[in-house]
Amino acid sequence: MNLANKLTLARIFVVPFLIVFMYLDNFWTRVLALLFFVGAALTDTFDGIIARRNNTVTTLGIFLDPLADKLIISAVLISFVGLKELNVPAWMVVLIISREFVITGLRLIAASKNVVIPAHRSGKFKTTTQIISIIVLLLILIVDSALWKFYGFRSKELLTSSGMNYFLGWVLIKMPYWLMLLTTILTIYSGLSYINKHKELLKE
């Protein structure tokens, strides 16, 4: 197995550790969760570069790379719904993941007709937005755990304060919802864009 495929498999391997570290509700484990996710995002960039540079693009790599991306992002987003510190509704995550199923189905139809659907700008922007949103929400989890570990209170208790403390509490409590709402809208837009550009595949 070549280096690029090993990096892709490593991205899949860290998923359960990433989820467990988030749920432990500990400052240091959540820092590790953030580092694991950032590391996984970086390998997503480097494995493709390495495969093309070394001329080691394989069928296994073509299969595993998008699978690893969807697996880690879906796993993290689903986990966010169950974390009490975040205000992430399940319906947003359902829509985001549903988009991936729909576009994967569209690609399968295209493949059956020997048509290749290239990556669109909206799809790349969608992925970037999802990664940024996940990193911000992981940072919010870290801050919440830090407040508990070092000061003995949670971020929601800042809402009973005033001034900058209230503003910080508002950001920590409200930002996850609005950030995920924006991510959901952009994800759905990306999916509709793909369908509109390749609607001829569905006419039959």
N, C-alpha and C. Protein backbone atom coordinates (compact mmCIF):
# COMPACT_ATOMS: atom_id res chain seq x y z
N MET A 1 0.84 -1.20 0.00
CA MET A 1 0.00 0.00 0.00
C MET A 1 0.88 1.25 0.00
N ASN A 2 0.57 2.19 -0.88
CA ASN A 2 1.41 3.38 -0.99
C ASN A 2 1.11 4.39 0.13
N LEU A 3 1.95 5.41 0.21
CA LEU A 3 1.86 6.40 1.29
C LEU A 3 0.55 7.18 1.24
N ALA A 4 0.10 7.54 0.05
CA ALA A 4 -1.14 8.31 -0.06
C ALA A 4 -2.33 7.54 0.51
N ASN A 5 -2.41 6.26 0.20
CA ASN A 5 -3.51 5.44 0.72
C ASN A 5 -3.40 5.25 2.24
N LYS A 6 -2.18 5.17 2.74
CA LYS A 6 -1.99 5.05 4.19
C LYS A 6 -2.49 6.30 4.91
N LEU A 7 -2.24 7.47 4.31
CA LEU A 7 -2.73 8.72 4.91
C LEU A 7 -4.26 8.75 4.90
N THR A 8 -4.86 8.27 3.82
CA THR A 8 -6.31 8.23 3.73
C THR A 8 -6.90 7.29 4.77
N LEU A 9 -6.28 6.12 4.93
CA LEU A 9 -6.74 5.17 5.96
C LEU A 9 -6.57 5.73 7.36
N ALA A 10 -5.50 6.50 7.56
CA ALA A 10 -5.28 7.13 8.87
C ALA A 10 -6.41 8.09 9.20
N ARG A 11 -6.94 8.77 8.17
CA ARG A 11 -8.06 9.68 8.35
C ARG A 11 -9.29 8.93 8.84
N ILE A 12 -9.50 7.75 8.32
CA ILE A 12 -10.64 6.92 8.75
C ILE A 12 -10.40 6.39 10.15
N PHE A 13 -9.16 6.01 10.43
CA PHE A 13 -8.80 5.39 11.72
C PHE A 13 -9.02 6.35 12.89
N VAL A 14 -8.83 7.65 12.69
CA VAL A 14 -8.93 8.59 13.80
C VAL A 14 -10.37 8.94 14.15
N VAL A 15 -11.34 8.56 13.31
CA VAL A 15 -12.73 8.97 13.54
C VAL A 15 -13.25 8.56 14.92
N PRO A 16 -13.15 7.27 15.32
CA PRO A 16 -13.69 6.92 16.65
C PRO A 16 -12.98 7.64 17.79
N PHE A 17 -11.67 7.86 17.67
CA PHE A 17 -10.94 8.57 18.72
C PHE A 17 -11.40 10.03 18.79
N LEU A 18 -11.62 10.63 17.65
CA LEU A 18 -12.09 12.01 17.59
C LEU A 18 -13.43 12.15 18.31
N ILE A 19 -14.35 11.22 18.06
CA ILE A 19 -15.68 11.28 18.67
C ILE A 19 -15.59 11.07 20.18
N VAL A 20 -14.82 10.08 20.60
CA VAL A 20 -14.67 9.81 22.03
C VAL A 20 -14.05 11.00 22.75
N PHE A 21 -13.03 11.61 22.17
CA PHE A 21 -12.36 12.75 22.81
C PHE A 21 -13.31 13.94 22.95
N MET A 22 -14.23 14.11 22.00
CA MET A 22 -15.21 15.20 22.13
C MET A 22 -16.17 14.94 23.27
N TYR A 23 -16.62 13.69 23.41
CA TYR A 23 -17.65 13.36 24.38
C TYR A 23 -17.13 13.24 25.82
N LEU A 24 -15.83 13.16 25.98
CA LEU A 24 -15.28 13.03 27.34
C LEU A 24 -15.46 14.30 28.17
N ASP A 25 -15.77 15.41 27.53
CA ASP A 25 -16.00 16.69 28.21
C ASP A 25 -14.82 17.06 29.10
N ASN A 26 -13.65 17.00 28.50
CA ASN A 26 -12.42 17.33 29.20
C ASN A 26 -11.63 18.29 28.32
N PHE A 27 -11.04 19.29 28.94
CA PHE A 27 -10.32 20.31 28.18
C PHE A 27 -9.26 19.70 27.27
N TRP A 28 -8.43 18.84 27.84
CA TRP A 28 -7.30 18.31 27.07
C TRP A 28 -7.74 17.34 25.99
N THR A 29 -8.76 16.52 26.26
CA THR A 29 -9.22 15.58 25.22
C THR A 29 -9.86 16.34 24.06
N ARG A 30 -10.52 17.45 24.38
CA ARG A 30 -11.13 18.23 23.31
C ARG A 30 -10.09 18.98 22.49
N VAL A 31 -9.00 19.36 23.11
CA VAL A 31 -7.88 19.91 22.35
C VAL A 31 -7.34 18.85 21.40
N LEU A 32 -7.23 17.62 21.90
CA LEU A 32 -6.77 16.52 21.04
C LEU A 32 -7.75 16.28 19.89
N ALA A 33 -9.05 16.38 20.18
CA ALA A 33 -10.06 16.19 19.12
C ALA A 33 -9.86 17.22 18.02
N LEU A 34 -9.61 18.47 18.41
CA LEU A 34 -9.36 19.51 17.42
C LEU A 34 -8.10 19.21 16.61
N LEU A 35 -7.04 18.80 17.28
CA LEU A 35 -5.78 18.49 16.59
C LEU A 35 -5.97 17.32 15.63
N PHE A 36 -6.74 16.32 16.06
CA PHE A 36 -7.01 15.17 15.20
C PHE A 36 -7.77 15.60 13.95
N PHE A 37 -8.77 16.46 14.13
CA PHE A 37 -9.56 16.88 12.97
C PHE A 37 -8.73 17.73 12.01
N VAL A 38 -7.96 18.66 12.56
CA VAL A 38 -7.10 19.50 11.70
C VAL A 38 -6.08 18.62 10.97
N GLY A 39 -5.52 17.65 11.69
CA GLY A 39 -4.57 16.73 11.06
C GLY A 39 -5.21 15.93 9.94
N ALA A 40 -6.46 15.49 10.17
CA ALA A 40 -7.18 14.75 9.14
C ALA A 40 -7.45 15.63 7.92
N ALA A 41 -7.81 16.89 8.16
CA ALA A 41 -8.06 17.82 7.05
C ALA A 41 -6.78 18.05 6.24
N LEU A 42 -5.65 18.11 6.92
CA LEU A 42 -4.38 18.31 6.23
C LEU A 42 -4.01 17.09 5.40
N THR A 43 -4.24 15.90 5.93
CA THR A 43 -3.93 14.69 5.15
C THR A 43 -4.79 14.61 3.91
N ASP A 44 -6.01 15.17 3.99
CA ASP A 44 -6.88 15.18 2.82
C ASP A 44 -6.24 15.97 1.68
N THR A 45 -5.48 16.99 2.03
CA THR A 45 -4.78 17.79 1.02
C THR A 45 -3.54 17.08 0.51
N PHE A 46 -2.78 16.51 1.44
CA PHE A 46 -1.48 15.94 1.07
C PHE A 46 -1.56 14.60 0.38
N ASP A 47 -2.59 13.77 0.71
CA ASP A 47 -2.59 12.44 0.09
C ASP A 47 -2.78 12.52 -1.42
N GLY A 48 -3.62 13.46 -1.86
CA GLY A 48 -3.81 13.63 -3.30
C GLY A 48 -2.56 14.16 -3.98
N ILE A 49 -1.91 15.13 -3.33
CA ILE A 49 -0.67 15.69 -3.88
C ILE A 49 0.40 14.62 -4.01
N ILE A 50 0.54 13.82 -2.94
CA ILE A 50 1.56 12.76 -2.94
C ILE A 50 1.27 11.72 -4.02
N ALA A 51 -0.02 11.34 -4.14
CA ALA A 51 -0.39 10.32 -5.13
C ALA A 51 -0.08 10.79 -6.56
N ARG A 52 -0.39 12.06 -6.84
CA ARG A 52 -0.13 12.58 -8.20
C ARG A 52 1.36 12.79 -8.45
N ARG A 53 2.07 13.27 -7.42
CA ARG A 53 3.50 13.53 -7.59
C ARG A 53 4.28 12.23 -7.81
N ASN A 54 3.91 11.18 -7.07
CA ASN A 54 4.61 9.90 -7.17
C ASN A 54 3.99 8.97 -8.21
N ASN A 55 2.94 9.48 -8.91
CA ASN A 55 2.25 8.67 -9.91
C ASN A 55 1.75 7.36 -9.31
N THR A 56 1.12 7.47 -8.13
CA THR A 56 0.62 6.28 -7.42
C THR A 56 -0.88 6.37 -7.19
N VAL A 57 -1.60 7.01 -8.12
CA VAL A 57 -3.05 7.07 -8.02
C VAL A 57 -3.62 5.68 -8.27
N THR A 58 -4.39 5.15 -7.32
CA THR A 58 -4.91 3.79 -7.43
C THR A 58 -6.43 3.80 -7.33
N THR A 59 -7.03 2.69 -7.74
CA THR A 59 -8.48 2.54 -7.62
C THR A 59 -8.90 2.58 -6.16
N LEU A 60 -8.10 1.94 -5.30
CA LEU A 60 -8.39 1.97 -3.86
C LEU A 60 -8.38 3.39 -3.33
N GLY A 61 -7.41 4.18 -3.76
CA GLY A 61 -7.31 5.56 -3.30
C GLY A 61 -8.48 6.40 -3.78
N ILE A 62 -8.89 6.20 -5.04
CA ILE A 62 -10.03 6.93 -5.59
C ILE A 62 -11.30 6.59 -4.83
N PHE A 63 -11.41 5.34 -4.38
CA PHE A 63 -12.58 4.92 -3.59
C PHE A 63 -12.53 5.44 -2.16
N LEU A 64 -11.36 5.34 -1.52
CA LEU A 64 -11.25 5.66 -0.10
C LEU A 64 -11.25 7.16 0.19
N ASP A 65 -10.69 7.96 -0.71
CA ASP A 65 -10.52 9.39 -0.40
C ASP A 65 -11.85 10.10 -0.14
N PRO A 66 -12.82 10.05 -1.06
CA PRO A 66 -14.10 10.70 -0.76
C PRO A 66 -14.85 10.04 0.38
N LEU A 67 -14.67 8.71 0.53
CA LEU A 67 -15.32 8.00 1.63
C LEU A 67 -14.81 8.51 2.97
N ALA A 68 -13.49 8.68 3.08
CA ALA A 68 -12.90 9.19 4.32
C ALA A 68 -13.39 10.59 4.64
N ASP A 69 -13.47 11.43 3.62
CA ASP A 69 -13.95 12.81 3.82
C ASP A 69 -15.37 12.83 4.37
N LYS A 70 -16.26 12.09 3.70
CA LYS A 70 -17.66 12.08 4.11
C LYS A 70 -17.84 11.43 5.48
N LEU A 71 -17.04 10.40 5.77
CA LEU A 71 -17.15 9.69 7.04
C LEU A 71 -16.78 10.58 8.21
N ILE A 72 -15.65 11.27 8.12
CA ILE A 72 -15.20 12.06 9.25
C ILE A 72 -16.09 13.29 9.47
N ILE A 73 -16.52 13.94 8.38
CA ILE A 73 -17.38 15.11 8.52
C ILE A 73 -18.76 14.70 9.04
N SER A 74 -19.32 13.62 8.51
CA SER A 74 -20.63 13.16 8.96
C SER A 74 -20.59 12.73 10.42
N ALA A 75 -19.54 12.01 10.81
CA ALA A 75 -19.43 11.53 12.18
C ALA A 75 -19.35 12.69 13.18
N VAL A 76 -18.57 13.71 12.83
CA VAL A 76 -18.42 14.86 13.72
C VAL A 76 -19.73 15.64 13.82
N LEU A 77 -20.39 15.88 12.69
CA LEU A 77 -21.64 16.63 12.70
C LEU A 77 -22.74 15.91 13.48
N ILE A 78 -22.84 14.60 13.30
CA ILE A 78 -23.82 13.81 14.05
C ILE A 78 -23.52 13.89 15.54
N SER A 79 -22.25 13.85 15.90
CA SER A 79 -21.85 13.92 17.31
C SER A 79 -22.19 15.27 17.91
N PHE A 80 -22.10 16.33 17.11
CA PHE A 80 -22.43 17.67 17.61
C PHE A 80 -23.88 17.73 18.12
N VAL A 81 -24.79 17.00 17.46
CA VAL A 81 -26.20 17.03 17.86
C VAL A 81 -26.37 16.54 19.30
N GLY A 82 -25.55 15.58 19.70
CA GLY A 82 -25.69 15.00 21.03
C GLY A 82 -24.93 15.72 22.13
N LEU A 83 -24.21 16.78 21.78
CA LEU A 83 -23.43 17.51 22.78
C LEU A 83 -24.26 18.67 23.34
N LYS A 84 -24.49 18.65 24.65
CA LYS A 84 -25.37 19.64 25.27
C LYS A 84 -24.80 21.06 25.20
N GLU A 85 -23.49 21.20 25.04
CA GLU A 85 -22.89 22.53 24.98
C GLU A 85 -23.20 23.26 23.68
N LEU A 86 -23.59 22.49 22.67
CA LEU A 86 -23.84 23.08 21.35
C LEU A 86 -25.34 23.09 21.06
N ASN A 87 -25.74 24.02 20.24
CA ASN A 87 -27.15 24.15 19.88
C ASN A 87 -27.31 23.81 18.40
N VAL A 88 -27.02 22.55 18.07
CA VAL A 88 -27.06 22.10 16.68
C VAL A 88 -28.28 21.19 16.50
N PRO A 89 -29.31 21.65 15.79
CA PRO A 89 -30.50 20.82 15.57
C PRO A 89 -30.20 19.64 14.65
N ALA A 90 -30.87 18.53 14.91
CA ALA A 90 -30.65 17.33 14.11
C ALA A 90 -31.04 17.53 12.66
N TRP A 91 -32.07 18.36 12.39
CA TRP A 91 -32.55 18.52 11.02
C TRP A 91 -31.49 19.12 10.11
N MET A 92 -30.62 19.97 10.67
CA MET A 92 -29.55 20.55 9.86
C MET A 92 -28.57 19.47 9.41
N VAL A 93 -28.20 18.61 10.34
CA VAL A 93 -27.25 17.54 10.02
C VAL A 93 -27.88 16.55 9.04
N VAL A 94 -29.17 16.27 9.21
CA VAL A 94 -29.87 15.37 8.29
C VAL A 94 -29.83 15.93 6.87
N LEU A 95 -30.07 17.22 6.72
CA LEU A 95 -30.05 17.85 5.39
C LEU A 95 -28.65 17.80 4.78
N ILE A 96 -27.63 18.08 5.60
CA ILE A 96 -26.26 18.07 5.11
C ILE A 96 -25.86 16.68 4.62
N ILE A 97 -26.16 15.67 5.42
CA ILE A 97 -25.79 14.31 5.05
C ILE A 97 -26.64 13.82 3.87
N SER A 98 -27.91 14.21 3.84
CA SER A 98 -28.78 13.82 2.72
C SER A 98 -28.23 14.34 1.40
N ARG A 99 -27.69 15.56 1.43
CA ARG A 99 -27.10 16.12 0.21
C ARG A 99 -26.00 15.22 -0.32
N GLU A 100 -25.19 14.67 0.60
CA GLU A 100 -24.09 13.81 0.17
C GLU A 100 -24.62 12.52 -0.48
N PHE A 101 -25.69 11.96 0.10
CA PHE A 101 -26.29 10.76 -0.50
C PHE A 101 -26.84 11.06 -1.90
N VAL A 102 -27.52 12.20 -2.04
CA VAL A 102 -28.12 12.55 -3.32
C VAL A 102 -27.05 12.73 -4.40
N ILE A 103 -25.99 13.47 -4.07
CA ILE A 103 -24.94 13.72 -5.06
C ILE A 103 -24.15 12.45 -5.36
N THR A 104 -23.98 11.60 -4.37
CA THR A 104 -23.32 10.31 -4.62
C THR A 104 -24.16 9.48 -5.59
N GLY A 105 -25.48 9.50 -5.38
CA GLY A 105 -26.37 8.80 -6.31
C GLY A 105 -26.30 9.37 -7.71
N LEU A 106 -26.22 10.70 -7.81
CA LEU A 106 -26.10 11.35 -9.12
C LEU A 106 -24.81 10.92 -9.81
N ARG A 107 -23.74 10.84 -9.05
CA ARG A 107 -22.46 10.41 -9.63
C ARG A 107 -22.53 8.96 -10.11
N LEU A 108 -23.25 8.12 -9.38
CA LEU A 108 -23.40 6.72 -9.80
C LEU A 108 -24.18 6.62 -11.11
N ILE A 109 -25.22 7.44 -11.22
CA ILE A 109 -25.98 7.47 -12.48
C ILE A 109 -25.09 7.93 -13.62
N ALA A 110 -24.30 8.97 -13.35
CA ALA A 110 -23.39 9.49 -14.37
C ALA A 110 -22.37 8.43 -14.79
N ALA A 111 -21.84 7.72 -13.79
CA ALA A 111 -20.84 6.68 -14.09
C ALA A 111 -21.45 5.57 -14.95
N SER A 112 -22.73 5.25 -14.72
CA SER A 112 -23.39 4.20 -15.50
C SER A 112 -23.56 4.62 -16.96
N LYS A 113 -23.51 5.93 -17.21
CA LYS A 113 -23.64 6.45 -18.56
C LYS A 113 -22.30 6.93 -19.11
N ASN A 114 -21.21 6.54 -18.41
CA ASN A 114 -19.86 6.93 -18.81
C ASN A 114 -19.66 8.44 -18.84
N VAL A 115 -20.30 9.11 -17.90
CA VAL A 115 -20.18 10.55 -17.77
C VAL A 115 -19.46 10.84 -16.45
N VAL A 116 -18.50 11.75 -16.51
CA VAL A 116 -17.75 12.14 -15.32
C VAL A 116 -18.26 13.50 -14.84
N ILE A 117 -18.67 13.56 -13.58
CA ILE A 117 -19.11 14.83 -13.00
C ILE A 117 -17.92 15.46 -12.28
N PRO A 118 -17.39 16.55 -12.82
CA PRO A 118 -16.22 17.17 -12.18
C PRO A 118 -16.63 17.91 -10.91
N ALA A 119 -15.65 18.18 -10.07
CA ALA A 119 -15.91 18.95 -8.85
C ALA A 119 -16.27 20.39 -9.23
N HIS A 120 -17.35 20.86 -8.67
CA HIS A 120 -17.78 22.23 -8.93
C HIS A 120 -17.24 23.17 -7.87
N ARG A 121 -17.18 24.43 -8.21
CA ARG A 121 -16.72 25.44 -7.25
C ARG A 121 -17.61 25.47 -6.02
N SER A 122 -18.92 25.31 -6.22
CA SER A 122 -19.85 25.33 -5.09
C SER A 122 -19.59 24.16 -4.14
N GLY A 123 -19.19 23.01 -4.71
CA GLY A 123 -18.88 21.85 -3.88
C GLY A 123 -17.63 22.07 -3.04
N LYS A 124 -16.61 22.66 -3.65
CA LYS A 124 -15.38 22.95 -2.92
C LYS A 124 -15.63 23.98 -1.82
N PHE A 125 -16.45 24.99 -2.13
CA PHE A 125 -16.77 26.01 -1.14
C PHE A 125 -17.57 25.41 0.01
N LYS A 126 -18.47 24.48 -0.33
CA LYS A 126 -19.26 23.77 0.68
C LYS A 126 -18.37 23.01 1.64
N THR A 127 -17.41 22.27 1.08
CA THR A 127 -16.50 21.50 1.92
C THR A 127 -15.66 22.40 2.82
N THR A 128 -15.16 23.50 2.26
CA THR A 128 -14.37 24.44 3.05
C THR A 128 -15.20 25.02 4.19
N THR A 129 -16.45 25.38 3.89
CA THR A 129 -17.34 25.93 4.92
C THR A 129 -17.61 24.92 6.02
N GLN A 130 -17.83 23.67 5.65
CA GLN A 130 -18.07 22.63 6.65
C GLN A 130 -16.86 22.45 7.56
N ILE A 131 -15.67 22.44 6.98
CA ILE A 131 -14.45 22.26 7.77
C ILE A 131 -14.25 23.43 8.73
N ILE A 132 -14.45 24.66 8.24
CA ILE A 132 -14.30 25.84 9.09
C ILE A 132 -15.32 25.81 10.22
N SER A 133 -16.56 25.44 9.91
CA SER A 133 -17.61 25.38 10.93
C SER A 133 -17.27 24.36 12.01
N ILE A 134 -16.79 23.20 11.59
CA ILE A 134 -16.43 22.16 12.56
C ILE A 134 -15.29 22.63 13.46
N ILE A 135 -14.29 23.28 12.88
CA ILE A 135 -13.17 23.78 13.68
C ILE A 135 -13.65 24.82 14.69
N VAL A 136 -14.53 25.73 14.26
CA VAL A 136 -15.05 26.75 15.18
C VAL A 136 -15.85 26.10 16.31
N LEU A 137 -16.69 25.12 15.98
CA LEU A 137 -17.48 24.46 17.02
C LEU A 137 -16.60 23.66 17.98
N LEU A 138 -15.54 23.06 17.47
CA LEU A 138 -14.60 22.37 18.35
C LEU A 138 -13.90 23.37 19.28
N LEU A 139 -13.59 24.55 18.76
CA LEU A 139 -12.98 25.60 19.59
C LEU A 139 -13.96 26.04 20.69
N ILE A 140 -15.25 26.13 20.35
CA ILE A 140 -16.26 26.49 21.34
C ILE A 140 -16.33 25.44 22.44
N LEU A 141 -16.26 24.17 22.06
CA LEU A 141 -16.24 23.09 23.06
C LEU A 141 -15.02 23.22 23.97
N ILE A 142 -13.88 23.56 23.37
CA ILE A 142 -12.65 23.71 24.16
C ILE A 142 -12.79 24.87 25.15
N VAL A 143 -13.34 25.99 24.69
CA VAL A 143 -13.52 27.14 25.58
C VAL A 143 -14.46 26.79 26.72
N ASP A 144 -15.55 26.09 26.41
CA ASP A 144 -16.50 25.70 27.45
C ASP A 144 -15.84 24.81 28.49
N SER A 145 -15.05 23.84 28.03
CA SER A 145 -14.34 22.96 28.95
C SER A 145 -13.28 23.72 29.74
N ALA A 146 -12.64 24.70 29.10
CA ALA A 146 -11.62 25.51 29.78
C ALA A 146 -12.26 26.35 30.89
N LEU A 147 -13.43 26.92 30.62
CA LEU A 147 -14.13 27.70 31.65
C LEU A 147 -14.47 26.83 32.85
N TRP A 148 -14.88 25.59 32.59
CA TRP A 148 -15.22 24.68 33.68
C TRP A 148 -13.97 24.23 34.43
N LYS A 149 -12.93 23.91 33.69
CA LYS A 149 -11.71 23.39 34.31
C LYS A 149 -10.99 24.45 35.15
N PHE A 150 -10.88 25.66 34.61
CA PHE A 150 -10.05 26.68 35.26
C PHE A 150 -10.84 27.68 36.11
N TYR A 151 -12.17 27.81 35.82
CA TYR A 151 -12.96 28.82 36.55
C TYR A 151 -14.19 28.26 37.24
N GLY A 152 -14.54 27.01 36.95
CA GLY A 152 -15.63 26.37 37.67
C GLY A 152 -17.02 26.73 37.21
N PHE A 153 -17.20 27.24 36.00
CA PHE A 153 -18.54 27.50 35.49
C PHE A 153 -18.59 27.24 33.99
N ARG A 154 -19.81 27.12 33.46
CA ARG A 154 -20.02 26.85 32.05
C ARG A 154 -20.31 28.14 31.30
N SER A 155 -20.19 28.06 29.98
CA SER A 155 -20.37 29.25 29.14
C SER A 155 -21.78 29.81 29.26
N LYS A 156 -22.79 28.96 29.45
CA LYS A 156 -24.16 29.46 29.54
C LYS A 156 -24.37 30.36 30.76
N GLU A 157 -23.54 30.17 31.78
CA GLU A 157 -23.66 31.01 32.96
C GLU A 157 -23.19 32.44 32.71
N LEU A 158 -22.44 32.65 31.63
CA LEU A 158 -22.00 34.01 31.27
C LEU A 158 -23.18 34.89 30.86
N LEU A 159 -24.28 34.25 30.44
CA LEU A 159 -25.45 35.01 30.01
C LEU A 159 -26.11 35.74 31.17
N THR A 160 -25.78 35.35 32.39
CA THR A 160 -26.32 36.05 33.57
C THR A 160 -25.43 37.22 33.97
N SER A 161 -24.32 37.40 33.26
CA SER A 161 -23.41 38.50 33.54
C SER A 161 -23.76 39.69 32.68
N SER A 162 -22.85 40.64 32.60
CA SER A 162 -23.06 41.82 31.76
C SER A 162 -21.76 42.17 31.04
N GLY A 163 -21.85 43.11 30.11
CA GLY A 163 -20.66 43.57 29.40
C GLY A 163 -20.05 42.49 28.53
N MET A 164 -18.71 42.40 28.54
CA MET A 164 -17.98 41.48 27.69
C MET A 164 -18.27 40.02 28.05
N ASN A 165 -18.49 39.74 29.33
CA ASN A 165 -18.81 38.37 29.73
C ASN A 165 -20.11 37.90 29.10
N TYR A 166 -21.12 38.79 29.07
CA TYR A 166 -22.39 38.45 28.44
C TYR A 166 -22.20 38.23 26.94
N PHE A 167 -21.42 39.10 26.31
CA PHE A 167 -21.17 38.97 24.87
C PHE A 167 -20.47 37.66 24.56
N LEU A 168 -19.47 37.30 25.37
CA LEU A 168 -18.77 36.04 25.17
C LEU A 168 -19.73 34.86 25.33
N GLY A 169 -20.57 34.93 26.35
CA GLY A 169 -21.54 33.86 26.56
C GLY A 169 -22.51 33.74 25.40
N TRP A 170 -22.95 34.89 24.87
CA TRP A 170 -23.88 34.89 23.74
C TRP A 170 -23.23 34.25 22.52
N VAL A 171 -21.97 34.59 22.27
CA VAL A 171 -21.26 34.02 21.13
C VAL A 171 -21.11 32.52 21.28
N LEU A 172 -20.72 32.07 22.45
CA LEU A 172 -20.49 30.64 22.68
C LEU A 172 -21.78 29.83 22.59
N ILE A 173 -22.90 30.42 23.00
CA ILE A 173 -24.17 29.70 23.01
C ILE A 173 -24.88 29.79 21.66
N LYS A 174 -24.87 30.97 21.04
CA LYS A 174 -25.66 31.19 19.83
C LYS A 174 -24.92 30.89 18.53
N MET A 175 -23.61 31.07 18.51
CA MET A 175 -22.86 30.90 17.27
C MET A 175 -23.01 29.53 16.63
N PRO A 176 -22.96 28.42 17.40
CA PRO A 176 -23.08 27.11 16.75
C PRO A 176 -24.34 26.99 15.89
N TYR A 177 -25.46 27.48 16.39
CA TYR A 177 -26.72 27.36 15.64
C TYR A 177 -26.64 28.14 14.32
N TRP A 178 -26.24 29.40 14.40
CA TRP A 178 -26.24 30.24 13.20
C TRP A 178 -25.15 29.83 12.21
N LEU A 179 -24.03 29.37 12.73
CA LEU A 179 -22.96 28.91 11.85
C LEU A 179 -23.39 27.63 11.12
N MET A 180 -24.04 26.72 11.85
CA MET A 180 -24.51 25.49 11.21
C MET A 180 -25.66 25.77 10.25
N LEU A 181 -26.48 26.77 10.56
CA LEU A 181 -27.55 27.13 9.64
C LEU A 181 -26.98 27.63 8.31
N LEU A 182 -25.95 28.47 8.39
CA LEU A 182 -25.29 28.96 7.18
C LEU A 182 -24.67 27.80 6.41
N THR A 183 -24.02 26.90 7.12
CA THR A 183 -23.40 25.73 6.49
C THR A 183 -24.44 24.86 5.80
N THR A 184 -25.59 24.68 6.45
CA THR A 184 -26.67 23.89 5.86
C THR A 184 -27.19 24.52 4.58
N ILE A 185 -27.40 25.84 4.61
CA ILE A 185 -27.90 26.55 3.43
C ILE A 185 -26.92 26.41 2.27
N LEU A 186 -25.64 26.61 2.53
CA LEU A 186 -24.63 26.51 1.48
C LEU A 186 -24.51 25.08 0.95
N THR A 187 -24.68 24.10 1.85
CA THR A 187 -24.61 22.70 1.43
C THR A 187 -25.78 22.35 0.51
N ILE A 188 -26.98 22.79 0.88
CA ILE A 188 -28.16 22.52 0.05
C ILE A 188 -28.03 23.24 -1.29
N TYR A 189 -27.54 24.48 -1.26
CA TYR A 189 -27.33 25.22 -2.51
C TYR A 189 -26.36 24.47 -3.42
N SER A 190 -25.29 23.95 -2.83
CA SER A 190 -24.31 23.20 -3.61
C SER A 190 -24.95 21.98 -4.26
N GLY A 191 -25.77 21.26 -3.48
CA GLY A 191 -26.44 20.08 -4.02
C GLY A 191 -27.38 20.42 -5.16
N LEU A 192 -28.18 21.47 -4.98
CA LEU A 192 -29.11 21.89 -6.04
C LEU A 192 -28.35 22.35 -7.28
N SER A 193 -27.18 22.97 -7.07
CA SER A 193 -26.36 23.41 -8.20
C SER A 193 -25.88 22.22 -9.01
N TYR A 194 -25.43 21.16 -8.32
CA TYR A 194 -24.99 19.95 -9.03
C TYR A 194 -26.15 19.35 -9.83
N ILE A 195 -27.31 19.25 -9.20
CA ILE A 195 -28.46 18.64 -9.85
C ILE A 195 -28.89 19.45 -11.07
N ASN A 196 -28.91 20.77 -10.92
CA ASN A 196 -29.32 21.63 -12.03
C ASN A 196 -28.37 21.52 -13.22
N LYS A 197 -27.07 21.43 -12.94
CA LYS A 197 -26.10 21.37 -14.02
C LYS A 197 -26.09 20.01 -14.72
N HIS A 198 -26.61 19.00 -14.05
CA HIS A 198 -26.58 17.65 -14.64
C HIS A 198 -27.97 17.04 -14.65
N LYS A 199 -29.00 17.87 -14.77
CA LYS A 199 -30.38 17.38 -14.73
C LYS A 199 -30.71 16.47 -15.91
N GLU A 200 -29.93 16.58 -17.00
CA GLU A 200 -30.20 15.73 -18.15
C GLU A 200 -29.98 14.25 -17.82
N LEU A 201 -29.16 14.00 -16.78
CA LEU A 201 -28.93 12.60 -16.36
C LEU A 201 -30.17 11.99 -15.75
N LEU A 202 -31.09 12.82 -15.25
CA LEU A 202 -32.26 12.33 -14.55
C LEU A 202 -33.50 12.30 -15.45
N LYS A 203 -33.39 12.82 -16.64
CA LYS A 203 -34.57 12.91 -17.52
C LYS A 203 -35.08 11.56 -17.95
N GLU A 204 -34.18 10.59 -18.09
CA GLU A 204 -34.61 9.27 -18.54
C GLU A 204 -35.30 8.50 -17.43
